[in-house]
PDB file of N, CA and C in Angstrom:
ATOM      1  N   UNK A   1      55.694   2.933 100.346  1.00  0.00           N
ATOM      2  CA  UNK A   1      55.161   1.799 100.119  1.00  0.00           C
ATOM      3  C   UNK A   1      55.202   0.805  99.126  1.00  0.00           C
ATOM      4  N   UNK A   2      54.510   1.868  98.518  1.00  0.00           N
ATOM      5  CA  UNK A   2      54.990   0.760  97.044  1.00  0.00           C
ATOM      6  C   UNK A   2      56.377  -0.071  96.735  1.00  0.00           C
ATOM      7  N   UNK A   3      57.347   1.108  97.041  1.00  0.00           N
ATOM      8  CA  UNK A   3      58.509   0.412  97.024  1.00  0.00           C
ATOM      9  C   UNK A   3      59.047  -0.904  97.745  1.00  0.00           C
ATOM     10  N   UNK A   4      58.247  -0.913  98.430  1.00  0.00           N
ATOM     11  CA  UNK A   4      59.000  -1.949  99.594  1.00  0.00           C
ATOM     12  C   UNK A   4      58.417  -3.016  99.203  1.00  0.00           C
ATOM     13  N   UNK A   5      56.677  -3.119  98.509  1.00  0.00           N
ATOM     14  CA  UNK A   5      56.226  -4.007  98.180  1.00  0.00           C
ATOM     15  C   UNK A   5      56.981  -4.371  97.074  1.00  0.00           C
ATOM     16  N   UNK A   6      57.094  -3.849  96.082  1.00  0.00           N
ATOM     17  CA  UNK A   6      58.066  -4.027  94.440  1.00  0.00           C
ATOM     18  C   UNK A   6      59.448  -4.802  94.944  1.00  0.00           C
ATOM     19  N   UNK A   7      59.790  -4.568  96.100  1.00  0.00           N
ATOM     20  CA  UNK A   7      61.386  -5.216  96.742  1.00  0.00           C
ATOM     21  C   UNK A   7      61.017  -6.166  97.039  1.00  0.00           C
ATOM     22  N   UNK A   8      59.975  -6.623  97.854  1.00  0.00           N
ATOM     23  CA  UNK A   8      59.103  -7.798  98.298  1.00  0.00           C
ATOM     24  C   UNK A   8      59.037  -8.938  97.173  1.00  0.00           C
ATOM     25  N   UNK A   9      58.482  -8.175  96.148  1.00  0.00           N
ATOM     26  CA  UNK A   9      57.819  -9.432  95.123  1.00  0.00           C
ATOM     27  C   UNK A   9      59.407  -9.566  94.255  1.00  0.00           C
ATOM     28  N   UNK A  10      60.423  -8.918  94.056  1.00  0.00           N
ATOM     29  CA  UNK A  10      61.535  -9.393  93.568  1.00  0.00           C
ATOM     30  C   UNK A  10      62.472 -10.492  94.162  1.00  0.00           C
ATOM     31  N   UNK A  11      61.844  -9.974  95.557  1.00  0.00           N
ATOM     32  CA  UNK A  11      62.851 -10.883  96.419  1.00  0.00           C
ATOM     33  C   UNK A  11      62.140 -12.556  96.809  1.00  0.00           C
ATOM     34  N   UNK A  12      60.637 -12.570  95.950  1.00  0.00           N
ATOM     35  CA  UNK A  12      60.228 -13.415  96.231  1.00  0.00           C
ATOM     36  C   UNK A  12      60.520 -14.514  94.982  1.00  0.00           C
ATOM     37  N   UNK A  13      60.272 -13.304  94.040  1.00  0.00           N
ATOM     38  CA  UNK A  13      60.480 -14.147  92.590  1.00  0.00           C
ATOM     39  C   UNK A  13      62.156 -14.841  92.533  1.00  0.00           C
ATOM     40  N   UNK A  14      62.706 -14.006  92.949  1.00  0.00           N
ATOM     41  CA  UNK A  14      64.009 -14.536  92.893  1.00  0.00           C
ATOM     42  C   UNK A  14      64.177 -15.737  93.838  1.00  0.00           C
ATOM     43  N   UNK A  15      63.735 -15.930  94.765  1.00  0.00           N
ATOM     44  CA  UNK A  15      63.771 -16.939  95.797  1.00  0.00           C
ATOM     45  C   UNK A  15      63.230 -18.329  95.059  1.00  0.00           C
ATOM     46  N   UNK A  16      62.339 -18.031  94.289  1.00  0.00           N
ATOM     47  CA  UNK A  16      62.112 -19.567  93.616  1.00  0.00           C
ATOM     48  C   UNK A  16      62.218 -19.828  92.475  1.00  0.00           C
ATOM     49  N   UNK A  17      62.895 -19.078  91.812  1.00  0.00           N
ATOM     50  CA  UNK A  17      63.745 -19.249  90.765  1.00  0.00           C
ATOM     51  C   UNK A  17      64.782 -20.097  91.119  1.00  0.00           C
ATOM     52  N   UNK A  18      65.513 -19.611  92.572  1.00  0.00           N
ATOM     53  CA  UNK A  18      66.520 -20.377  92.677  1.00  0.00           C
ATOM     54  C   UNK A  18      66.090 -21.569  93.369  1.00  0.00           C
ATOM     55  N   UNK A  19      64.709 -21.467  93.927  1.00  0.00           N
ATOM     56  CA  UNK A  19      64.675 -23.060  94.548  1.00  0.00           C
ATOM     57  C   UNK A  19      63.797 -23.734  93.243  1.00  0.00           C
ATOM     58  N   UNK A  20      63.528 -23.437  92.440  1.00  0.00           N
ATOM     59  CA  UNK A  20      63.815 -24.612  91.428  1.00  0.00           C
ATOM     60  C   UNK A  20      64.969 -25.077  90.986  1.00  0.00           C
ATOM     61  N   UNK A  21      65.601 -24.038  90.848  1.00  0.00           N
ATOM     62  CA  UNK A  21      67.326 -24.805  90.645  1.00  0.00           C
ATOM     63  C   UNK A  21      67.739 -25.728  91.733  1.00  0.00           C
ATOM     64  N   UNK A  22      67.793 -25.584  92.941  1.00  0.00           N
ATOM     65  CA  UNK A  22      67.782 -26.748  93.880  1.00  0.00           C
ATOM     66  C   UNK A  22      67.548 -27.453  93.539  1.00  0.00           C
ATOM     67  N   UNK A  23      66.012 -27.507  93.276  1.00  0.00           N
ATOM     68  CA  UNK A  23      64.480 -28.974  93.015  1.00  0.00           C
ATOM     69  C   UNK A  23      65.937 -29.718  91.535  1.00  0.00           C
ATOM     70  N   UNK A  24      65.848 -28.720  90.753  1.00  0.00           N
ATOM     71  CA  UNK A  24      66.541 -29.858  89.593  1.00  0.00           C
ATOM     72  C   UNK A  24      67.862 -30.766  90.008  1.00  0.00           C
ATOM     73  N   UNK A  25      68.683 -30.035  90.609  1.00  0.00           N
ATOM     74  CA  UNK A  25      69.807 -30.605  91.182  1.00  0.00           C
ATOM     75  C   UNK A  25      69.601 -31.654  92.001  1.00  0.00           C
ATOM     76  N   UNK A  26      68.517 -31.509  92.881  1.00  0.00           N
ATOM     77  CA  UNK A  26      68.297 -32.592  93.626  1.00  0.00           C
ATOM     78  C   UNK A  26      67.667 -33.932  93.182  1.00  0.00           C
ATOM     79  N   UNK A  27      66.580 -33.290  92.908  1.00  0.00           N
ATOM     80  CA  UNK A  27      66.164 -34.590  91.926  1.00  0.00           C
ATOM     81  C   UNK A  27      67.100 -35.179  90.232  1.00  0.00           C
ATOM     82  N   UNK A  28      67.926 -34.725  89.822  1.00  0.00           N
ATOM     83  CA  UNK A  28      68.461 -35.708  89.026  1.00  0.00           C
ATOM     84  C   UNK A  28      68.353 -34.940  87.662  1.00  0.00           C
ATOM     85  N   UNK A  29      68.016 -33.875  87.674  1.00  0.00           N
ATOM     86  CA  UNK A  29      66.925 -33.108  86.392  1.00  0.00           C
ATOM     87  C   UNK A  29      67.862 -32.860  85.529  1.00  0.00           C
ATOM     88  N   UNK A  30      68.769 -32.226  86.690  1.00  0.00           N
ATOM     89  CA  UNK A  30      69.680 -31.092  86.169  1.00  0.00           C
ATOM     90  C   UNK A  30      70.634 -31.493  84.945  1.00  0.00           C
ATOM     91  N   UNK A  31      71.051 -32.682  84.429  1.00  0.00           N
ATOM     92  CA  UNK A  31      72.070 -33.422  83.871  1.00  0.00           C
ATOM     93  C   UNK A  31      71.252 -33.582  82.427  1.00  0.00           C
ATOM     94  N   UNK A  32      70.268 -33.066  82.319  1.00  0.00           N
ATOM     95  CA  UNK A  32      69.582 -33.438  80.405  1.00  0.00           C
ATOM     96  C   UNK A  32      69.272 -31.870  79.975  1.00  0.00           C
ATOM     97  N   UNK A  33      69.080 -31.612  78.983  1.00  0.00           N
ATOM     98  CA  UNK A  33      69.009 -30.873  78.288  1.00  0.00           C
ATOM     99  C   UNK A  33      68.439 -29.521  78.665  1.00  0.00           C
ATOM    100  N   UNK A  34      66.976 -30.702  78.917  1.00  0.00           N
ATOM    101  CA  UNK A  34      65.923 -29.620  79.554  1.00  0.00           C
ATOM    102  C   UNK A  34      65.980 -29.253  80.515  1.00  0.00           C
ATOM    103  N   UNK A  35      67.135 -29.894  81.422  1.00  0.00           N
ATOM    104  CA  UNK A  35      67.603 -28.994  83.322  1.00  0.00           C
ATOM    105  C   UNK A  35      68.304 -28.308  82.680  1.00  0.00           C
ATOM    106  N   UNK A  36      68.943 -28.368  82.287  1.00  0.00           N
ATOM    107  CA  UNK A  36      69.880 -27.277  81.942  1.00  0.00           C
ATOM    108  C   UNK A  36      69.835 -25.842  81.311  1.00  0.00           C
ATOM    109  N   UNK A  37      68.419 -25.604  80.449  1.00  0.00           N
ATOM    110  CA  UNK A  37      68.303 -24.998  79.712  1.00  0.00           C
ATOM    111  C   UNK A  37      67.223 -24.281  81.059  1.00  0.00           C
ATOM    112  N   UNK A  38      66.297 -24.814  81.681  1.00  0.00           N
ATOM    113  CA  UNK A  38      65.364 -24.446  82.724  1.00  0.00           C
ATOM    114  C   UNK A  38      66.389 -23.991  83.712  1.00  0.00           C
ATOM    115  N   UNK A  39      67.593 -23.811  83.897  1.00  0.00           N
ATOM    116  CA  UNK A  39      67.985 -23.496  84.957  1.00  0.00           C
ATOM    117  C   UNK A  39      69.414 -22.703  85.045  1.00  0.00           C
ATOM    118  N   UNK A  40      69.256 -22.749  83.533  1.00  0.00           N
ATOM    119  CA  UNK A  40      70.409 -21.221  82.985  1.00  0.00           C
ATOM    120  C   UNK A  40      68.514 -19.977  82.929  1.00  0.00           C
ATOM    121  N   UNK A  41      67.777 -19.962  82.500  1.00  0.00           N
ATOM    122  CA  UNK A  41      66.515 -19.407  82.737  1.00  0.00           C
ATOM    123  C   UNK A  41      66.567 -18.640  84.099  1.00  0.00           C
ATOM    124  N   UNK A  42      65.985 -20.014  84.818  1.00  0.00           N
ATOM    125  CA  UNK A  42      66.226 -19.825  86.364  1.00  0.00           C
ATOM    126  C   UNK A  42      66.847 -18.789  87.133  1.00  0.00           C
ATOM    127  N   UNK A  43      68.516 -19.447  86.671  1.00  0.00           N
ATOM    128  CA  UNK A  43      69.599 -18.176  87.207  1.00  0.00           C
ATOM    129  C   UNK A  43      69.392 -16.828  86.550  1.00  0.00           C
ATOM    130  N   UNK A  44      69.224 -16.451  85.320  1.00  0.00           N
ATOM    131  CA  UNK A  44      69.327 -15.324  84.952  1.00  0.00           C
ATOM    132  C   UNK A  44      68.001 -14.921  85.520  1.00  0.00           C
ATOM    133  N   UNK A  45      67.195 -15.300  85.890  1.00  0.00           N
ATOM    134  CA  UNK A  45      65.643 -14.441  86.234  1.00  0.00           C
ATOM    135  C   UNK A  45      65.538 -14.301  87.447  1.00  0.00           C
ATOM    136  N   UNK A  46      66.380 -15.033  88.480  1.00  0.00           N
ATOM    137  CA  UNK A  46      66.561 -14.768  89.781  1.00  0.00           C
ATOM    138  C   UNK A  46      67.548 -13.949  89.931  1.00  0.00           C
ATOM    139  N   UNK A  47      68.600 -14.223  89.458  1.00  0.00           N
ATOM    140  CA  UNK A  47      69.852 -13.141  89.424  1.00  0.00           C
ATOM    141  C   UNK A  47      69.388 -11.560  89.342  1.00  0.00           C
ATOM    142  N   UNK A  48      68.372 -11.250  88.130  1.00  0.00           N
ATOM    143  CA  UNK A  48      68.015 -10.276  87.928  1.00  0.00           C
ATOM    144  C   UNK A  48      66.804  -9.629  89.044  1.00  0.00           C
ATOM    145  N   UNK A  49      66.229 -10.576  89.330  1.00  0.00           N
ATOM    146  CA  UNK A  49      65.051  -9.813  90.301  1.00  0.00           C
ATOM    147  C   UNK A  49      66.138  -9.892  91.809  1.00  0.00           C
ATOM    148  N   UNK A  50      67.004 -11.080  91.690  1.00  0.00           N
ATOM    149  CA  UNK A  50      68.088 -10.506  93.309  1.00  0.00           C
ATOM    150  C   UNK A  50      68.671  -9.235  93.384  1.00  0.00           C
ATOM    151  N   UNK A  51      68.971  -8.601  91.926  1.00  0.00           N
ATOM    152  CA  UNK A  51      70.330  -7.986  91.208  1.00  0.00           C
ATOM    153  C   UNK A  51      69.325  -6.406  91.435  1.00  0.00           C
ATOM    154  N   UNK A  52      67.924  -6.505  91.942  1.00  0.00           N
ATOM    155  CA  UNK A  52      67.330  -5.179  91.886  1.00  0.00           C
ATOM    156  C   UNK A  52      67.111  -5.301  93.428  1.00  0.00           C
ATOM    157  N   UNK A  53      67.162  -6.140  94.703  1.00  0.00           N
ATOM    158  CA  UNK A  53      66.939  -5.928  96.059  1.00  0.00           C
ATOM    159  C   UNK A  53      68.357  -5.843  96.558  1.00  0.00           C
ATOM    160  N   UNK A  54      69.525  -6.656  96.258  1.00  0.00           N
ATOM    161  CA  UNK A  54      70.717  -6.479  96.316  1.00  0.00           C
ATOM    162  C   UNK A  54      71.041  -4.818  96.178  1.00  0.00           C
ATOM    163  N   UNK A  55      71.075  -4.308  95.102  1.00  0.00           N
ATOM    164  CA  UNK A  55      71.426  -2.741  94.631  1.00  0.00           C
ATOM    165  C   UNK A  55      70.798  -1.638  95.691  1.00  0.00           C
ATOM    166  N   UNK A  56      69.457  -2.158  95.881  1.00  0.00           N
ATOM    167  CA  UNK A  56      68.807  -1.465  96.721  1.00  0.00           C
ATOM    168  C   UNK A  56      69.208  -1.275  98.025  1.00  0.00           C
ATOM    169  N   UNK A  57      69.253  -2.427  98.668  1.00  0.00           N
ATOM    170  CA  UNK A  57      70.193  -2.698 100.109  1.00  0.00           C
ATOM    171  C   UNK A  57      71.737  -2.089  99.901  1.00  0.00           C
ATOM    172  N   UNK A  58      72.562  -2.561  99.221  1.00  0.00           N
ATOM    173  CA  UNK A  58      73.808  -1.379  98.920  1.00  0.00           C
ATOM    174  C   UNK A  58      73.892  -0.060  98.836  1.00  0.00           C
ATOM    175  N   UNK A  59      72.910   0.597  98.266  1.00  0.00           N
ATOM    176  CA  UNK A  59      72.970   2.039  97.819  1.00  0.00           C
ATOM    177  C   UNK A  59      72.429   3.073  99.381  1.00  0.00           C
ATOM    178  N   UNK A  60      71.796   1.931  99.794  1.00  0.00           N
ATOM    179  CA  UNK A  60      70.786   2.934 101.227  1.00  0.00           C
ATOM    180  C   UNK A  60      69.119   3.198 100.513  1.00  0.00           C
ATOM    181  N   UNK A  61      68.951   2.652  99.928  1.00  0.00           N
ATOM    182  CA  UNK A  61      67.163   2.736  99.735  1.00  0.00           C
ATOM    183  C   UNK A  61      66.658   2.165 100.315  1.00  0.00           C
ATOM    184  N   UNK A  62      66.638   0.368 100.712  1.00  0.00           N
ATOM    185  CA  UNK A  62      66.180  -0.256 101.529  1.00  0.00           C
ATOM    186  C   UNK A  62      66.083   0.471 102.784  1.00  0.00           C
ATOM    187  N   UNK A  63      66.911   0.907 103.513  1.00  0.00           N
ATOM    188  CA  UNK A  63      66.700   1.740 104.915  1.00  0.00           C
ATOM    189  C   UNK A  63      66.154   2.747 105.025  1.00  0.00           C
ATOM    190  N   UNK A  64      66.123   3.771 103.955  1.00  0.00           N
ATOM    191  CA  UNK A  64      65.610   5.096 103.798  1.00  0.00           C
ATOM    192  C   UNK A  64      64.300   4.955 103.761  1.00  0.00           C
ATOM    193  N   UNK A  65      63.971   3.640 103.115  1.00  0.00           N
ATOM    194  CA  UNK A  65      62.210   3.272 102.554  1.00  0.00           C
ATOM    195  C   UNK A  65      61.270   2.602 104.168  1.00  0.00           C
ATOM    196  N   UNK A  66      62.470   1.953 104.489  1.00  0.00           N
ATOM    197  CA  UNK A  66      61.517   1.735 106.363  1.00  0.00           C
ATOM    198  C   UNK A  66      61.680   3.108 106.978  1.00  0.00           C
ATOM    199  N   UNK A  67      62.195   3.611 107.041  1.00  0.00           N
ATOM    200  CA  UNK A  67      62.653   4.740 107.759  1.00  0.00           C
ATOM    201  C   UNK A  67      61.751   5.536 107.243  1.00  0.00           C
ATOM    202  N   UNK A  68      61.256   6.007 106.521  1.00  0.00           N
ATOM    203  CA  UNK A  68      60.336   6.492 106.012  1.00  0.00           C
ATOM    204  C   UNK A  68      58.691   5.711 106.088  1.00  0.00           C
ATOM    205  N   UNK A  69      58.483   4.408 106.267  1.00  0.00           N
ATOM    206  CA  UNK A  69      57.436   4.017 105.908  1.00  0.00           C
ATOM    207  C   UNK A  69      56.931   4.063 107.932  1.00  0.00           C
ATOM    208  N   UNK A  70      58.052   4.048 108.659  1.00  0.00           N
ATOM    209  CA  UNK A  70      57.601   4.189 110.036  1.00  0.00           C
ATOM    210  C   UNK A  70      57.179   5.471 110.577  1.00  0.00           C
ATOM    211  N   UNK A  71      57.547   6.290 109.770  1.00  0.00           N
ATOM    212  CA  UNK A  71      57.729   8.001 110.002  1.00  0.00           C
ATOM    213  C   UNK A  71      55.900   8.584 109.814  1.00  0.00           C
ATOM    214  N   UNK A  72      55.548   7.881 108.877  1.00  0.00           N
ATOM    215  CA  UNK A  72      54.115   8.373 108.523  1.00  0.00           C
ATOM    216  C   UNK A  72      53.232   7.615 109.080  1.00  0.00           C
ATOM    217  N   UNK A  73      52.197   8.575 109.441  1.00  0.00           N
ATOM    218  CA  UNK A  73      51.133   8.731 110.494  1.00  0.00           C
ATOM    219  C   UNK A  73      50.187   7.965 109.815  1.00  0.00           C
ATOM    220  N   UNK A  74      49.229   6.798 110.114  1.00  0.00           N
ATOM    221  CA  UNK A  74      48.537   5.854 110.053  1.00  0.00           C
ATOM    222  C   UNK A  74      47.166   7.204 108.682  1.00  0.00           C
ATOM    223  N   UNK A  75      46.608   6.686 107.506  1.00  0.00           N
ATOM    224  CA  UNK A  75      46.118   7.012 106.327  1.00  0.00           C
ATOM    225  C   UNK A  75      44.936   7.750 107.709  1.00  0.00           C
ATOM    226  N   UNK A  76      44.097   7.279 108.342  1.00  0.00           N
ATOM    227  CA  UNK A  76      43.268   7.917 108.756  1.00  0.00           C
ATOM    228  C   UNK A  76      43.375   8.839 109.694  1.00  0.00           C
ATOM    229  N   UNK A  77      44.495   9.027 110.497  1.00  0.00           N
ATOM    230  CA  UNK A  77      44.707  10.172 111.303  1.00  0.00           C
ATOM    231  C   UNK A  77      45.396  11.208 110.865  1.00  0.00           C
ATOM    232  N   UNK A  78      45.183  12.312 110.558  1.00  0.00           N
ATOM    233  CA  UNK A  78      45.564  13.399 110.336  1.00  0.00           C
ATOM    234  C   UNK A  78      46.509  14.030 111.704  1.00  0.00           C
ATOM    235  N   UNK A  79      47.009  15.545 111.360  1.00  0.00           N
ATOM    236  CA  UNK A  79      47.372  16.343 112.580  1.00  0.00           C
ATOM    237  C   UNK A  79      46.588  16.895 113.567  1.00  0.00           C
ATOM    238  N   UNK A  80      45.343  15.658 113.792  1.00  0.00           N
ATOM    239  CA  UNK A  80      44.497  16.364 114.895  1.00  0.00           C
ATOM    240  C   UNK A  80      43.522  17.589 114.043  1.00  0.00           C
ATOM    241  N   UNK A  81      43.279  17.653 113.195  1.00  0.00           N
ATOM    242  CA  UNK A  81      42.196  18.855 112.043  1.00  0.00           C
ATOM    243  C   UNK A  81      41.327  17.883 111.678  1.00  0.00           C
ATOM    244  N   UNK A  82      40.183  18.483 111.443  1.00  0.00           N
ATOM    245  CA  UNK A  82      38.856  17.477 111.277  1.00  0.00           C
ATOM    246  C   UNK A  82      38.215  17.938 109.930  1.00  0.00           C
ATOM    247  N   UNK A  83      37.918  17.613 109.139  1.00  0.00           N
ATOM    248  CA  UNK A  83      37.518  18.599 107.769  1.00  0.00           C
ATOM    249  C   UNK A  83      36.351  18.862 107.798  1.00  0.00           C
TER     250      UNK A  83
END
């Protein structure tokens, strides 16, 4: 479950970084020195975070995590044993 939350967080940060780049391009601030610096930083950060998600999907780790999370019973219910 922790790995799924980590991948969701990575996806969120990556998409936010890409949204900042799109905003700078649309607003026209891309052609300033500050805009170029911010776009390079956002693309680097977004690329690193999204690379983690893409690699997880490519290797099949994400599919295994989802399958494992569906097989686990809820934490309050055990296999019929009472303490």
